[in-house]
């Protein structure tokens, strides 16, 4: 009988210890799950915040590339004006005034020299900008502009200046006819945002096309 009592007592003790151990492990598990849930929520918040930052950076980059934000930086200001020379007898007077080709030559030289942003008389140039002759004036972004023309270009001032003033370049060519062209390096050059409307009739983003194809399957 004594042995039975001792055995039962031992068994009861083991049962009590096992139950306590189970409850302790269960409490720890619940606490761990609670901490996991808190960490998961914190991670989701951090991921959402990171996504917001990435979206903002993407939007800023798109706006930058679309020329929808004004920019400032070092660069050059190029001033162009019609010739002040009297037209000689028998010569074409159109040779003494600035045409769209003349303005485009200057702009192309600046772009080739690394200009990051360019405007003409306050009109920001983009990939869809047009410069055309409109009688005695020029049309930039469908906005008429008369000489003198002030071209603001942001980039390395030395490179931009050299692109216009190099021997045999655009400045030398235009000065033959008296076209006035002056280049000044500046530490603070402002280029405004593009003010026109950009619409695409035939072009679509690749992501949009992919989504449409997936939806059609």
C-alpha atoms as a PDB file:
ATOM      1  CA  UNK A   1       0.000   0.000   0.000  1.00  0.00           C
ATOM      2  CA  UNK A   2       2.803   2.346   0.895  1.00  0.00           C
ATOM      3  CA  UNK A   3       4.397   1.736  -2.448  1.00  0.00           C
ATOM      4  CA  UNK A   4       1.079   2.406  -4.218  1.00  0.00           C
ATOM      5  CA  UNK A   5       0.716   5.703  -2.388  1.00  0.00           C
ATOM      6  CA  UNK A   6       4.249   6.693  -3.248  1.00  0.00           C
ATOM      7  CA  UNK A   7       3.654   5.736  -6.876  1.00  0.00           C
ATOM      8  CA  UNK A   8       0.406   7.682  -7.060  1.00  0.00           C
ATOM      9  CA  UNK A   9       2.052  10.654  -5.392  1.00  0.00           C
ATOM     10  CA  UNK A  10       4.871  10.553  -7.910  1.00  0.00           C
ATOM     11  CA  UNK A  11       2.417  10.248 -10.777  1.00  0.00           C
ATOM     12  CA  UNK A  12       0.340  13.135  -9.443  1.00  0.00           C
ATOM     13  CA  UNK A  13       3.493  15.245  -9.107  1.00  0.00           C
ATOM     14  CA  UNK A  14       4.483  14.514 -12.690  1.00  0.00           C
ATOM     15  CA  UNK A  15       1.015  15.419 -13.869  1.00  0.00           C
ATOM     16  CA  UNK A  16       1.124  18.721 -12.027  1.00  0.00           C
ATOM     17  CA  UNK A  17       4.579  19.564 -13.411  1.00  0.00           C
ATOM     18  CA  UNK A  18       3.587  18.575 -16.943  1.00  0.00           C
ATOM     19  CA  UNK A  19       0.470  20.729 -16.778  1.00  0.00           C
ATOM     20  CA  UNK A  20       2.453  23.680 -15.480  1.00  0.00           C
ATOM     21  CA  UNK A  21       5.015  23.182 -18.234  1.00  0.00           C
ATOM     22  CA  UNK A  22       2.295  23.065 -20.883  1.00  0.00           C
ATOM     23  CA  UNK A  23       0.711  26.239 -19.565  1.00  0.00           C
ATOM     24  CA  UNK A  24       4.092  27.978 -19.444  1.00  0.00           C
ATOM     25  CA  UNK A  25       4.912  26.984 -23.026  1.00  0.00           C
ATOM     26  CA  UNK A  26       1.421  27.997 -24.129  1.00  0.00           C
ATOM     27  CA  UNK A  27       1.853  31.451 -22.550  1.00  0.00           C
ATOM     28  CA  UNK A  28       5.214  31.880 -24.232  1.00  0.00           C
ATOM     29  CA  UNK A  29       3.743  30.817 -27.563  1.00  0.00           C
ATOM     30  CA  UNK A  30       0.920  33.315 -27.235  1.00  0.00           C
ATOM     31  CA  UNK A  31       3.403  36.042 -26.320  1.00  0.00           C
ATOM     32  CA  UNK A  32       5.625  35.116 -29.276  1.00  0.00           C
ATOM     33  CA  UNK A  33       2.632  35.174 -31.650  1.00  0.00           C
ATOM     34  CA  UNK A  34       1.616  38.555 -30.272  1.00  0.00           C
ATOM     35  CA  UNK A  35       5.150  39.912 -30.814  1.00  0.00           C
ATOM     36  CA  UNK A  36       5.180  38.404 -34.309  1.00  0.00           C
ATOM     37  CA  UNK A  37       1.906  40.147 -35.138  1.00  0.00           C
ATOM     38  CA  UNK A  38       3.261  43.462 -33.830  1.00  0.00           C
ATOM     39  CA  UNK A  39       6.462  43.056 -35.857  1.00  0.00           C
ATOM     40  CA  UNK A  40       4.426  42.090 -38.912  1.00  0.00           C
ATOM     41  CA  UNK A  41       2.311  45.225 -38.575  1.00  0.00           C
ATOM     42  CA  UNK A  42       5.424  47.360 -38.137  1.00  0.00           C
ATOM     43  CA  UNK A  43       6.953  45.739 -41.235  1.00  0.00           C
ATOM     44  CA  UNK A  44       3.822  46.444 -43.270  1.00  0.00           C
ATOM     45  CA  UNK A  45       3.909  50.085 -42.190  1.00  0.00           C
ATOM     46  CA  UNK A  46       7.584  50.349 -43.145  1.00  0.00           C
ATOM     47  CA  UNK A  47       6.919  48.715 -46.518  1.00  0.00           C
ATOM     48  CA  UNK A  48       4.016  51.079 -47.153  1.00  0.00           C
ATOM     49  CA  UNK A  49       6.179  54.072 -46.222  1.00  0.00           C
ATOM     50  CA  UNK A  50       8.952  52.818 -48.511  1.00  0.00           C
ATOM     51  CA  UNK A  51       6.441  52.338 -51.343  1.00  0.00           C
ATOM     52  CA  UNK A  52       5.204  55.906 -50.847  1.00  0.00           C
ATOM     53  CA  UNK A  53       8.780  57.183 -51.071  1.00  0.00           C
ATOM     54  CA  UNK A  54       9.434  55.119 -54.206  1.00  0.00           C
ATOM     55  CA  UNK A  55       6.184  56.317 -55.769  1.00  0.00           C
ATOM     56  CA  UNK A  56       7.075  59.926 -54.976  1.00  0.00           C
ATOM     57  CA  UNK A  57      10.571  59.454 -56.424  1.00  0.00           C
ATOM     58  CA  UNK A  58       9.081  57.831 -59.534  1.00  0.00           C
ATOM     59  CA  UNK A  59       6.553  60.635 -59.870  1.00  0.00           C
ATOM     60  CA  UNK A  60       9.267  63.251 -59.382  1.00  0.00           C
ATOM     61  CA  UNK A  61      11.428  61.562 -62.023  1.00  0.00           C
ATOM     62  CA  UNK A  62       8.514  61.391 -64.463  1.00  0.00           C
ATOM     63  CA  UNK A  63       7.691  65.030 -63.804  1.00  0.00           C
ATOM     64  CA  UNK A  64      11.367  65.900 -64.248  1.00  0.00           C
ATOM     65  CA  UNK A  65      11.603  64.052 -67.553  1.00  0.00           C
ATOM     66  CA  UNK A  66       8.319  65.538 -68.693  1.00  0.00           C
ATOM     67  CA  UNK A  67       9.704  69.011 -67.909  1.00  0.00           C
ATOM     68  CA  UNK A  68       6.805  69.707 -65.556  1.00  0.00           C
ATOM     69  CA  UNK A  69       8.964  71.148 -62.808  1.00  0.00           C
ATOM     70  CA  UNK A  70      11.022  74.353 -62.932  1.00  0.00           C
ATOM     71  CA  UNK A  71      14.763  73.868 -62.560  1.00  0.00           C
ATOM     72  CA  UNK A  72      17.685  76.002 -61.497  1.00  0.00           C
ATOM     73  CA  UNK A  73      21.421  75.491 -61.752  1.00  0.00           C
ATOM     74  CA  UNK A  74      24.603  76.740 -63.301  1.00  0.00           C
ATOM     75  CA  UNK A  75      24.774  77.100 -67.047  1.00  0.00           C
ATOM     76  CA  UNK A  76      24.645  79.780 -69.741  1.00  0.00           C
ATOM     77  CA  UNK A  77      22.300  82.430 -71.056  1.00  0.00           C
ATOM     78  CA  UNK A  78      22.516  82.953 -74.809  1.00  0.00           C
ATOM     79  CA  UNK A  79      21.088  86.144 -76.284  1.00  0.00           C
ATOM     80  CA  UNK A  80      20.313  86.232 -80.019  1.00  0.00           C
ATOM     81  CA  UNK A  81      19.087  89.212 -82.035  1.00  0.00           C
ATOM     82  CA  UNK A  82      18.624  90.145 -85.675  1.00  0.00           C
ATOM     83  CA  UNK A  83      21.458  91.803 -87.522  1.00  0.00           C
ATOM     84  CA  UNK A  84      21.991  95.532 -87.091  1.00  0.00           C
ATOM     85  CA  UNK A  85      23.930  95.757 -90.387  1.00  0.00           C
ATOM     86  CA  UNK A  86      22.336  97.551 -93.303  1.00  0.00           C
ATOM     87  CA  UNK A  87      21.255  95.189 -96.065  1.00  0.00           C
ATOM     88  CA  UNK A  88      23.516  95.533 -99.092  1.00  0.00           C
ATOM     89  CA  UNK A  89      22.008  96.096-102.499  1.00  0.00           C
ATOM     90  CA  UNK A  90      21.075  92.853-104.194  1.00  0.00           C
ATOM     91  CA  UNK A  91      21.293  90.740-101.011  1.00  0.00           C
ATOM     92  CA  UNK A  92      18.420  88.826 -99.514  1.00  0.00           C
ATOM     93  CA  UNK A  93      17.230  90.658 -96.361  1.00  0.00           C
ATOM     94  CA  UNK A  94      16.180  87.318 -94.852  1.00  0.00           C
ATOM     95  CA  UNK A  95      19.858  86.525 -94.342  1.00  0.00           C
ATOM     96  CA  UNK A  96      20.033  89.249 -91.700  1.00  0.00           C
ATOM     97  CA  UNK A  97      17.242  87.987 -89.473  1.00  0.00           C
ATOM     98  CA  UNK A  98      17.027  84.952 -87.202  1.00  0.00           C
ATOM     99  CA  UNK A  99      15.162  81.943 -88.550  1.00  0.00           C
ATOM    100  CA  UNK A 100      14.014  78.734 -86.898  1.00  0.00           C
ATOM    101  CA  UNK A 101      17.037  76.895 -88.341  1.00  0.00           C
ATOM    102  CA  UNK A 102      19.390  79.372 -86.660  1.00  0.00           C
ATOM    103  CA  UNK A 103      17.728  78.936 -83.295  1.00  0.00           C
ATOM    104  CA  UNK A 104      17.666  75.147 -83.684  1.00  0.00           C
ATOM    105  CA  UNK A 105      21.382  75.076 -84.479  1.00  0.00           C
ATOM    106  CA  UNK A 106      22.159  76.861 -81.228  1.00  0.00           C
ATOM    107  CA  UNK A 107      19.817  74.603 -79.251  1.00  0.00           C
ATOM    108  CA  UNK A 108      21.250  71.444 -80.826  1.00  0.00           C
ATOM    109  CA  UNK A 109      24.797  72.551 -79.980  1.00  0.00           C
ATOM    110  CA  UNK A 110      23.776  73.152 -76.360  1.00  0.00           C
ATOM    111  CA  UNK A 111      22.091  69.755 -76.157  1.00  0.00           C
ATOM    112  CA  UNK A 112      25.113  68.034 -77.663  1.00  0.00           C
ATOM    113  CA  UNK A 113      27.264  69.759 -75.029  1.00  0.00           C
ATOM    114  CA  UNK A 114      25.178  68.220 -72.242  1.00  0.00           C
ATOM    115  CA  UNK A 115      22.489  70.809 -71.508  1.00  0.00           C
ATOM    116  CA  UNK A 116      20.038  69.247 -69.044  1.00  0.00           C
ATOM    117  CA  UNK A 117      17.242  71.783 -69.518  1.00  0.00           C
ATOM    118  CA  UNK A 118      16.645  74.570 -72.056  1.00  0.00           C
ATOM    119  CA  UNK A 119      14.100  77.332 -72.476  1.00  0.00           C
ATOM    120  CA  UNK A 120      13.612  80.001 -75.143  1.00  0.00           C
ATOM    121  CA  UNK A 121      12.035  83.274 -74.044  1.00  0.00           C
ATOM    122  CA  UNK A 122      10.439  81.492 -71.097  1.00  0.00           C
ATOM    123  CA  UNK A 123       9.211  78.481 -73.085  1.00  0.00           C
ATOM    124  CA  UNK A 124      10.584  75.174 -71.781  1.00  0.00           C
ATOM    125  CA  UNK A 125      11.746  72.853 -74.537  1.00  0.00           C
ATOM    126  CA  UNK A 126      10.659  69.214 -74.427  1.00  0.00           C
ATOM    127  CA  UNK A 127      10.826  66.244 -76.769  1.00  0.00           C
ATOM    128  CA  UNK A 128       7.624  67.441 -78.460  1.00  0.00           C
ATOM    129  CA  UNK A 129       8.454  71.154 -78.673  1.00  0.00           C
ATOM    130  CA  UNK A 130       8.254  72.836 -82.057  1.00  0.00           C
ATOM    131  CA  UNK A 131      10.180  75.870 -83.271  1.00  0.00           C
ATOM    132  CA  UNK A 132       8.823  77.349 -86.484  1.00  0.00           C
ATOM    133  CA  UNK A 133       8.975  80.577 -88.410  1.00  0.00           C
ATOM    134  CA  UNK A 134       5.811  82.623 -88.041  1.00  0.00           C
ATOM    135  CA  UNK A 135       6.323  85.662 -90.262  1.00  0.00           C
ATOM    136  CA  UNK A 136       8.787  88.053 -88.598  1.00  0.00           C
ATOM    137  CA  UNK A 137       8.597  86.062 -85.355  1.00  0.00           C
ATOM    138  CA  UNK A 138       9.251  82.507 -84.249  1.00  0.00           C
ATOM    139  CA  UNK A 139       6.757  80.125 -82.694  1.00  0.00           C
ATOM    140  CA  UNK A 140       8.017  78.119 -79.736  1.00  0.00           C
ATOM    141  CA  UNK A 141       5.548  75.597 -78.267  1.00  0.00           C
ATOM    142  CA  UNK A 142       2.917  77.338 -80.431  1.00  0.00           C
ATOM    143  CA  UNK A 143       3.650  80.602 -78.619  1.00  0.00           C
ATOM    144  CA  UNK A 144       4.884  83.435 -80.807  1.00  0.00           C
ATOM    145  CA  UNK A 145       8.079  85.097 -79.734  1.00  0.00           C
ATOM    146  CA  UNK A 146       9.976  88.025 -81.219  1.00  0.00           C
ATOM    147  CA  UNK A 147      13.701  88.794 -81.062  1.00  0.00           C
ATOM    148  CA  UNK A 148      15.793  89.168 -79.063  1.00  0.00           C
ATOM    149  CA  UNK A 149      15.720  85.505 -78.055  1.00  0.00           C
ATOM    150  CA  UNK A 150      17.079  84.539 -74.656  1.00  0.00           C
ATOM    151  CA  UNK A 151      18.050  80.904 -74.341  1.00  0.00           C
ATOM    152  CA  UNK A 152      18.526  79.583 -70.805  1.00  0.00           C
ATOM    153  CA  UNK A 153      20.499  76.345 -70.630  1.00  0.00           C
ATOM    154  CA  UNK A 154      21.451  74.425 -67.476  1.00  0.00           C
ATOM    155  CA  UNK A 155      24.637  72.369 -67.608  1.00  0.00           C
ATOM    156  CA  UNK A 156      28.398  72.697 -67.397  1.00  0.00           C
ATOM    157  CA  UNK A 157      29.001  76.385 -68.237  1.00  0.00           C
ATOM    158  CA  UNK A 158      32.403  75.810 -69.862  1.00  0.00           C
ATOM    159  CA  UNK A 159      31.146  73.075 -72.174  1.00  0.00           C
ATOM    160  CA  UNK A 160      28.003  74.988 -73.098  1.00  0.00           C
ATOM    161  CA  UNK A 161      29.927  78.176 -73.880  1.00  0.00           C
ATOM    162  CA  UNK A 162      32.498  76.344 -75.996  1.00  0.00           C
ATOM    163  CA  UNK A 163      29.773  74.622 -78.012  1.00  0.00           C
ATOM    164  CA  UNK A 164      28.591  78.028 -79.266  1.00  0.00           C
ATOM    165  CA  UNK A 165      31.869  79.933 -79.435  1.00  0.00           C
ATOM    166  CA  UNK A 166      34.157  77.285 -80.957  1.00  0.00           C
ATOM    167  CA  UNK A 167      36.022  78.351 -84.073  1.00  0.00           C
ATOM    168  CA  UNK A 168      33.961  77.791 -87.197  1.00  0.00           C
ATOM    169  CA  UNK A 169      30.897  77.034 -85.087  1.00  0.00           C
ATOM    170  CA  UNK A 170      27.426  78.480 -84.985  1.00  0.00           C
ATOM    171  CA  UNK A 171      28.479  81.869 -83.592  1.00  0.00           C
ATOM    172  CA  UNK A 172      31.089  82.436 -86.317  1.00  0.00           C
ATOM    173  CA  UNK A 173      28.589  81.440 -89.007  1.00  0.00           C
ATOM    174  CA  UNK A 174      25.815  83.735 -87.787  1.00  0.00           C
ATOM    175  CA  UNK A 175      28.114  86.714 -87.262  1.00  0.00           C
ATOM    176  CA  UNK A 176      28.956  86.717 -90.960  1.00  0.00           C
ATOM    177  CA  UNK A 177      25.488  88.141 -91.508  1.00  0.00           C
ATOM    178  CA  UNK A 178      25.613  90.366 -88.475  1.00  0.00           C
ATOM    179  CA  UNK A 179      23.338  88.154 -86.376  1.00  0.00           C
ATOM    180  CA  UNK A 180      24.032  89.199 -82.797  1.00  0.00           C
ATOM    181  CA  UNK A 181      24.833  86.366 -80.424  1.00  0.00           C
ATOM    182  CA  UNK A 182      26.165  86.678 -76.903  1.00  0.00           C
ATOM    183  CA  UNK A 183      26.951  83.879 -74.447  1.00  0.00           C
ATOM    184  CA  UNK A 184      27.281  84.445 -70.703  1.00  0.00           C
ATOM    185  CA  UNK A 185      28.191  81.838 -68.110  1.00  0.00           C
ATOM    186  CA  UNK A 186      26.014  82.076 -65.028  1.00  0.00           C
ATOM    187  CA  UNK A 187      25.935  80.331 -61.660  1.00  0.00           C
ATOM    188  CA  UNK A 188      22.164  80.765 -61.380  1.00  0.00           C
ATOM    189  CA  UNK A 189      20.146  79.903 -64.475  1.00  0.00           C
ATOM    190  CA  UNK A 190      16.406  79.339 -64.169  1.00  0.00           C
ATOM    191  CA  UNK A 191      14.423  77.211 -66.606  1.00  0.00           C
ATOM    192  CA  UNK A 192      10.634  77.267 -66.106  1.00  0.00           C
ATOM    193  CA  UNK A 193       8.301  74.289 -66.248  1.00  0.00           C
ATOM    194  CA  UNK A 194       6.637  73.297 -69.498  1.00  0.00           C
ATOM    195  CA  UNK A 195       3.257  75.030 -69.629  1.00  0.00           C
ATOM    196  CA  UNK A 196       1.699  73.302 -72.620  1.00  0.00           C
ATOM    197  CA  UNK A 197      -0.467  70.197 -72.750  1.00  0.00           C
ATOM    198  CA  UNK A 198       1.088  66.848 -73.608  1.00  0.00           C
ATOM    199  CA  UNK A 199      -1.264  64.301 -75.160  1.00  0.00           C
ATOM    200  CA  UNK A 200      -0.434  61.049 -76.928  1.00  0.00           C
ATOM    201  CA  UNK A 201      -2.787  59.616 -79.541  1.00  0.00           C
ATOM    202  CA  UNK A 202      -0.794  56.555 -80.595  1.00  0.00           C
ATOM    203  CA  UNK A 203       1.695  55.967 -77.784  1.00  0.00           C
ATOM    204  CA  UNK A 204       0.897  54.005 -74.608  1.00  0.00           C
ATOM    205  CA  UNK A 205       2.995  52.966 -71.637  1.00  0.00           C
ATOM    206  CA  UNK A 206       4.355  49.416 -71.953  1.00  0.00           C
ATOM    207  CA  UNK A 207       2.897  48.529 -68.537  1.00  0.00           C
ATOM    208  CA  UNK A 208      -0.566  49.564 -69.744  1.00  0.00           C
ATOM    209  CA  UNK A 209      -0.277  47.443 -72.870  1.00  0.00           C
ATOM    210  CA  UNK A 210       0.834  44.441 -70.787  1.00  0.00           C
ATOM    211  CA  UNK A 211      -2.163  44.852 -68.451  1.00  0.00           C
ATOM    212  CA  UNK A 212      -4.538  45.009 -71.432  1.00  0.00           C
ATOM    213  CA  UNK A 213      -3.090  41.806 -72.923  1.00  0.00           C
ATOM    214  CA  UNK A 214      -3.386  40.000 -69.578  1.00  0.00           C
ATOM    215  CA  UNK A 215      -7.000  41.080 -69.271  1.00  0.00           C
ATOM    216  CA  UNK A 216      -7.800  39.847 -72.789  1.00  0.00           C
ATOM    217  CA  UNK A 217      -6.579  36.286 -71.998  1.00  0.00           C
END
